[in-house]
Amino acid sequence: MAIAANVAPSERVTYEDLCTMTAAEARGHFRNGAYSGHTAGIAPGMLQGNVVILPADLALDFSRFCQRNPQPCPLIGVTDTGDPMMRTLGDDIDIRTDVPAYRIYEYGELKDEVTDISDLWQDDFVAFAIGCSFSFEDALIQDGIRLRHLEQNKTVSMFVTNLMTEPAGPFSGGTVVSMRPLPIQDAIRASAICARFPQAHGQPVHMGDPAEIGITDINAPDWGDPTEFRDGEIPVFWACGVTPQNIVRSAKPPFCITHAPGRMLVTDVPAWATDSKKLKS
């Protein structure tokens, strides 16, 4: 786990510490560089979001892409052009510092991973927050469904699939999914629970044979950590907000910033406020 070089060991916080904090408290530690790990299980019950930051001349096409692909890209927040504050999702959310880690892309190629993008921010940037599956995980746990990546403090497995998105402008490509192994009876319950969270990807897009959606090796995720399977479990796949990172590979914009996989924006909005009318506007 990369920590900002100017953070003293005494100031660093652990994942276990963060799981006892509010969303605002956790963001404070992301902001000062004290933690850059995954955010699954942090601020339970609060909406988390994937992040995409693009120049304004691409923002309209990207908004259209999200509208046409609401399951992998449920749009939950957008900044004003040049304004780094994500005002609709909480108080004092600075998109330049309040995500644990960011990825920098140039013409579709990953160039760097950093914990602060203040020196990269430009007056024409627009930041998008896209709903994240971490938001429904607390509901699954509350219903007694065990999630192994959380129990083992790992980043959920994510895969590129052959499930194609609806294109918009330069944006097109395959849907990325997150995967959780579950017993069949839990998979059915999880599907019903997640239907209540359309702003966090909703129901699974596939259960069972990974090859049917173009995944050749379930033990080799494109992002995240491999996940152990136990007897009686099947893989369950949800549309994932890392999809835009896959889309960026194809669109090749001159410059784009995203969250690092598994490192989300933790908002002040309750995860149950999935009706767009309940989100701040």
Protein backbone atom coordinates (compact mmCIF):
# COMPACT_ATOMS: atom_id res chain seq x y z
CA MET A 1 0.00 0.00 0.00
CA ALA A 2 1.58 3.29 -1.09
CA ILE A 3 1.60 6.06 1.51
CA ALA A 4 2.51 9.67 0.82
CA ALA A 5 6.18 10.15 1.59
CA ASN A 6 5.59 13.13 3.88
CA VAL A 7 3.32 11.19 6.29
CA ALA A 8 5.04 10.21 9.51
CA PRO A 9 4.53 6.61 10.70
CA SER A 10 2.70 7.92 13.79
CA GLU A 11 0.13 9.65 11.55
CA ARG A 12 -0.71 6.63 9.42
CA VAL A 13 -4.00 4.85 9.97
CA THR A 14 -5.00 1.24 9.43
CA TYR A 15 -7.95 -0.15 7.55
CA GLU A 16 -9.37 -1.38 10.87
CA ASP A 17 -9.18 2.17 12.28
CA LEU A 18 -10.99 3.61 9.28
CA CYS A 19 -13.84 1.11 9.58
CA THR A 20 -14.85 2.78 12.87
CA MET A 21 -14.92 6.32 11.41
CA THR A 22 -17.49 8.45 9.66
CA ALA A 23 -17.13 9.12 5.95
CA ALA A 24 -15.87 12.66 6.63
CA GLU A 25 -13.30 11.42 9.14
CA ALA A 26 -12.04 8.78 6.71
CA ARG A 27 -11.75 11.33 3.90
CA GLY A 28 -9.60 13.48 6.17
CA HIS A 29 -7.06 10.66 6.37
CA PHE A 30 -7.20 10.12 2.60
CA ARG A 31 -6.62 13.86 2.15
CA ASN A 32 -3.46 13.98 4.26
CA GLY A 33 -2.07 10.83 2.64
CA ALA A 34 -2.29 8.67 5.76
CA TYR A 35 -4.10 5.85 3.93
CA SER A 36 -4.22 4.81 0.27
CA GLY A 37 -5.74 1.32 0.44
CA HIS A 38 -9.13 -0.02 -0.60
CA THR A 39 -12.36 1.48 0.78
CA ALA A 40 -14.63 -1.60 0.93
CA GLY A 41 -16.22 -1.67 4.39
CA ILE A 42 -15.26 1.93 5.26
CA ALA A 43 -18.18 4.12 6.45
CA PRO A 44 -20.75 1.29 6.22
CA GLY A 45 -24.09 2.40 4.86
CA MET A 46 -22.69 5.39 2.95
CA LEU A 47 -22.66 5.69 -0.83
CA GLN A 48 -19.25 5.21 -2.44
CA GLY A 49 -18.32 6.30 -5.93
CA ASN A 50 -15.87 5.61 -8.73
CA VAL A 51 -14.23 8.73 -10.13
CA VAL A 52 -13.53 9.87 -13.71
CA ILE A 53 -12.02 13.29 -14.44
CA LEU A 54 -11.96 14.58 -18.03
CA PRO A 55 -11.47 17.85 -19.91
CA ALA A 56 -14.73 19.71 -20.52
CA ASP A 57 -14.68 19.04 -24.27
CA LEU A 58 -15.25 15.34 -23.55
CA ALA A 59 -17.67 15.77 -20.62
CA LEU A 60 -20.90 15.83 -22.65
CA ASP A 61 -20.05 12.64 -24.52
CA PHE A 62 -19.09 10.95 -21.25
CA SER A 63 -22.40 12.05 -19.67
CA ARG A 64 -24.22 10.50 -22.62
CA PHE A 65 -22.20 7.32 -22.19
CA CYS A 66 -23.28 7.08 -18.53
CA GLN A 67 -26.92 7.72 -19.44
CA ARG A 68 -26.82 4.96 -22.05
CA ASN A 69 -25.08 2.50 -19.70
CA PRO A 70 -26.70 3.07 -16.30
CA GLN A 71 -25.85 -0.34 -14.84
CA PRO A 72 -22.05 -0.15 -15.14
CA CYS A 73 -22.02 3.68 -14.96
CA PRO A 74 -24.79 4.94 -12.60
CA LEU A 75 -23.99 8.65 -12.42
CA ILE A 76 -24.33 10.00 -8.86
CA GLY A 77 -22.46 13.31 -9.03
CA VAL A 78 -20.81 15.82 -11.40
CA THR A 79 -18.73 18.88 -10.56
CA ASP A 80 -18.99 22.25 -12.25
CA THR A 81 -16.30 22.84 -14.85
CA GLY A 82 -13.03 23.71 -13.11
CA ASP A 83 -14.49 23.32 -9.61
CA PRO A 84 -12.79 20.49 -7.66
CA MET A 85 -15.48 20.39 -4.97
CA MET A 86 -18.04 17.57 -5.29
CA ARG A 87 -20.77 19.66 -3.66
CA THR A 88 -23.77 17.38 -4.24
CA LEU A 89 -22.36 14.37 -2.36
CA GLY A 90 -21.28 15.91 0.95
CA ASP A 91 -19.62 18.75 2.77
CA ASP A 92 -16.05 19.72 1.91
CA ILE A 93 -15.36 16.92 -0.60
CA ASP A 94 -12.30 17.93 -2.61
CA ILE A 95 -11.98 15.55 -5.57
CA ARG A 96 -8.26 16.38 -5.86
CA THR A 97 -7.33 14.90 -2.47
CA ASP A 98 -10.21 12.92 -0.96
CA VAL A 99 -9.83 9.66 -2.90
CA PRO A 100 -7.18 7.26 -1.47
CA ALA A 101 -5.39 6.82 -4.81
CA TYR A 102 -5.72 8.00 -8.40
CA ARG A 103 -4.58 6.74 -11.79
CA ILE A 104 -3.29 9.08 -14.48
CA TYR A 105 -3.86 8.17 -18.15
CA GLU A 106 -2.46 9.79 -21.29
CA TYR A 107 -3.93 8.69 -24.63
CA GLY A 108 -5.34 5.59 -22.91
CA GLU A 109 -2.03 4.52 -21.37
CA LEU A 110 -1.58 4.31 -17.60
CA LYS A 111 1.24 6.70 -16.68
CA ASP A 112 1.17 6.96 -12.89
CA GLU A 113 -0.66 6.22 -9.65
CA VAL A 114 -0.69 8.99 -7.03
CA THR A 115 -2.46 9.96 -3.80
CA ASP A 116 -3.02 13.67 -4.63
CA ILE A 117 -3.82 15.37 -7.94
CA SER A 118 -3.82 19.01 -6.77
CA ASP A 119 -0.86 19.86 -8.99
CA LEU A 120 -2.56 18.24 -12.01
CA TRP A 121 -5.93 20.00 -11.70
CA GLN A 122 -6.93 22.25 -14.60
CA ASP A 123 -9.60 24.93 -15.03
CA ASP A 124 -11.40 22.90 -17.73
CA PHE A 125 -11.69 19.65 -15.76
CA VAL A 126 -15.04 18.03 -14.94
CA ALA A 127 -15.18 15.25 -12.33
CA PHE A 128 -17.80 12.49 -12.42
CA ALA A 129 -18.76 10.19 -9.53
CA ILE A 130 -20.23 6.84 -10.53
CA GLY A 131 -22.01 4.50 -8.13
CA CYS A 132 -19.98 1.64 -6.66
CA SER A 133 -20.83 -1.91 -5.63
CA PHE A 134 -19.19 -1.30 -2.25
CA SER A 135 -22.36 0.64 -1.40
CA PHE A 136 -24.57 -2.46 -1.34
CA GLU A 137 -22.08 -4.70 0.46
CA ASP A 138 -23.17 -3.47 3.89
CA ALA A 139 -26.75 -4.46 3.05
CA LEU A 140 -25.58 -7.95 2.06
CA ILE A 141 -23.62 -8.32 5.29
CA GLN A 142 -26.58 -7.12 7.35
CA ASP A 143 -28.60 -9.92 5.75
CA GLY A 144 -26.02 -12.50 6.80
CA ILE A 145 -24.23 -12.86 3.44
CA ARG A 146 -20.50 -13.23 3.97
CA LEU A 147 -18.11 -11.46 1.60
CA ARG A 148 -14.69 -13.07 1.54
CA HIS A 149 -12.70 -10.14 0.16
CA LEU A 150 -13.79 -8.06 3.16
CA GLU A 151 -13.07 -10.82 5.64
CA GLN A 152 -9.57 -11.21 4.16
CA ASN A 153 -8.98 -7.43 3.68
CA LYS A 154 -8.53 -7.77 -0.08
CA THR A 155 -9.65 -5.76 -3.09
CA VAL A 156 -12.58 -7.37 -4.89
CA SER A 157 -11.75 -9.21 -8.14
CA MET A 158 -12.60 -7.29 -11.33
CA PHE A 159 -12.65 -8.52 -14.93
CA VAL A 160 -13.15 -7.15 -18.44
CA THR A 161 -16.00 -8.99 -20.19
CA ASN A 162 -17.51 -9.40 -23.64
CA LEU A 163 -20.66 -7.57 -22.49
CA MET A 164 -20.46 -4.53 -24.75
CA THR A 165 -21.58 -1.07 -23.69
CA GLU A 166 -23.66 1.34 -25.76
CA PRO A 167 -21.22 3.81 -27.35
CA ALA A 168 -21.32 7.59 -27.08
CA GLY A 169 -18.89 9.74 -29.01
CA PRO A 170 -15.41 8.23 -28.55
CA PHE A 171 -16.48 6.07 -25.60
CA SER A 172 -17.17 2.37 -26.18
CA GLY A 173 -15.95 -1.05 -25.08
CA GLY A 174 -16.59 -3.99 -22.79
CA THR A 175 -18.26 -3.85 -19.39
CA VAL A 176 -16.04 -4.49 -16.38
CA VAL A 177 -17.55 -6.67 -13.63
CA SER A 178 -16.72 -7.28 -9.98
CA MET A 179 -16.96 -10.85 -8.73
CA ARG A 180 -17.89 -12.36 -5.37
CA PRO A 181 -18.10 -16.13 -4.72
CA LEU A 182 -21.34 -17.11 -3.00
CA PRO A 183 -23.36 -20.26 -2.28
CA ILE A 184 -26.28 -20.51 -4.69
CA GLN A 185 -28.88 -19.66 -2.05
CA ASP A 186 -26.93 -16.54 -1.04
CA ALA A 187 -26.52 -15.53 -4.67
CA ILE A 188 -30.29 -15.53 -5.13
CA ARG A 189 -30.79 -13.46 -1.95
CA ALA A 190 -28.03 -11.08 -2.98
CA SER A 191 -29.72 -10.47 -6.33
CA ALA A 192 -32.97 -9.49 -4.62
CA ILE A 193 -31.19 -7.20 -2.15
CA CYS A 194 -29.12 -5.46 -4.81
CA ALA A 195 -32.20 -4.70 -6.89
CA ARG A 196 -32.88 -1.99 -4.28
CA PHE A 197 -29.62 -0.22 -5.19
CA PRO A 198 -29.85 0.96 -8.82
CA GLN A 199 -27.34 3.76 -8.14
CA ALA A 200 -24.87 1.07 -7.03
CA HIS A 201 -25.15 -1.21 -10.10
CA GLY A 202 -28.30 -3.07 -9.02
CA GLN A 203 -28.68 -6.81 -9.61
CA PRO A 204 -25.84 -9.05 -10.82
CA VAL A 205 -25.34 -9.21 -14.59
CA HIS A 206 -24.27 -12.86 -14.54
CA MET A 207 -23.96 -15.90 -12.28
CA GLY A 208 -22.05 -19.09 -12.96
CA ASP A 209 -19.76 -19.93 -15.86
CA PRO A 210 -17.26 -17.05 -16.35
CA ALA A 211 -16.53 -18.14 -19.94
CA GLU A 212 -20.05 -17.10 -20.98
CA ILE A 213 -19.07 -13.46 -20.45
CA GLY A 214 -15.56 -13.77 -21.86
CA ILE A 215 -13.53 -14.46 -18.68
CA THR A 216 -10.96 -17.17 -19.35
CA ASP A 217 -9.31 -17.44 -15.91
CA ILE A 218 -11.30 -16.66 -12.77
CA ASN A 219 -8.06 -16.73 -10.76
CA ALA A 220 -6.44 -13.96 -12.81
CA PRO A 221 -8.49 -10.76 -12.37
CA ASP A 222 -7.68 -7.71 -14.48
CA TRP A 223 -7.85 -5.61 -11.31
CA GLY A 224 -8.03 -6.46 -7.62
CA ASP A 225 -7.02 -9.65 -5.86
CA PRO A 226 -7.74 -13.31 -6.71
CA THR A 227 -10.55 -14.72 -4.57
CA GLU A 228 -10.68 -18.14 -2.94
CA PHE A 229 -13.59 -20.41 -3.85
CA ARG A 230 -15.04 -22.97 -1.45
CA ASP A 231 -17.28 -25.99 -1.98
CA GLY A 232 -20.77 -25.12 -3.19
CA GLU A 233 -19.92 -21.59 -4.28
CA ILE A 234 -20.49 -20.00 -7.68
CA PRO A 235 -19.05 -16.75 -9.06
CA VAL A 236 -21.52 -13.85 -9.01
CA PHE A 237 -20.76 -10.87 -11.24
CA TRP A 238 -21.95 -7.29 -10.88
CA ALA A 239 -21.44 -4.45 -13.37
CA CYS A 240 -18.53 -2.38 -12.08
CA GLY A 241 -17.65 1.30 -12.10
CA VAL A 242 -14.14 0.47 -13.28
CA THR A 243 -15.81 0.15 -16.70
CA PRO A 244 -14.84 3.75 -17.58
CA GLN A 245 -11.16 2.85 -17.13
CA ASN A 246 -11.62 0.14 -19.74
CA ILE A 247 -13.45 2.62 -21.95
CA VAL A 248 -10.59 5.12 -21.64
CA ARG A 249 -8.29 2.53 -23.19
CA SER A 250 -10.36 2.66 -26.36
CA ALA A 251 -11.20 6.39 -26.39
CA LYS A 252 -7.56 7.41 -25.75
CA PRO A 253 -8.25 10.98 -24.55
CA PRO A 254 -5.10 13.09 -24.25
CA PHE A 255 -5.54 13.17 -20.48
CA CYS A 256 -7.81 11.43 -17.96
CA ILE A 257 -7.71 10.81 -14.20
CA THR A 258 -9.62 8.03 -12.45
CA HIS A 259 -9.66 6.46 -9.00
CA ALA A 260 -7.32 3.52 -8.53
CA PRO A 261 -9.38 0.29 -8.58
CA GLY A 262 -10.87 -0.41 -5.16
CA ARG A 263 -10.03 3.10 -3.88
CA MET A 264 -13.33 4.95 -3.98
CA LEU A 265 -14.77 8.34 -3.12
CA VAL A 266 -16.60 7.83 0.19
CA THR A 267 -19.56 10.23 0.28
CA ASP A 268 -21.86 11.64 2.95
CA VAL A 269 -24.96 10.27 1.18
CA PRO A 270 -26.64 7.17 2.67
CA ALA A 271 -26.41 4.18 0.33
CA TRP A 272 -30.14 3.62 0.63
CA ALA A 273 -30.75 7.04 -0.99
CA THR A 274 -30.55 5.40 -4.40
CA ASP A 275 -33.53 7.20 -5.88
CA SER A 276 -32.00 10.09 -7.82
CA LYS A 277 -34.60 12.40 -6.26
CA LYS A 278 -33.13 11.64 -2.82
CA LEU A 279 -29.60 12.54 -3.85
CA LYS A 280 -28.59 16.15 -3.31
CA SER A 281 -28.93 18.37 -6.35
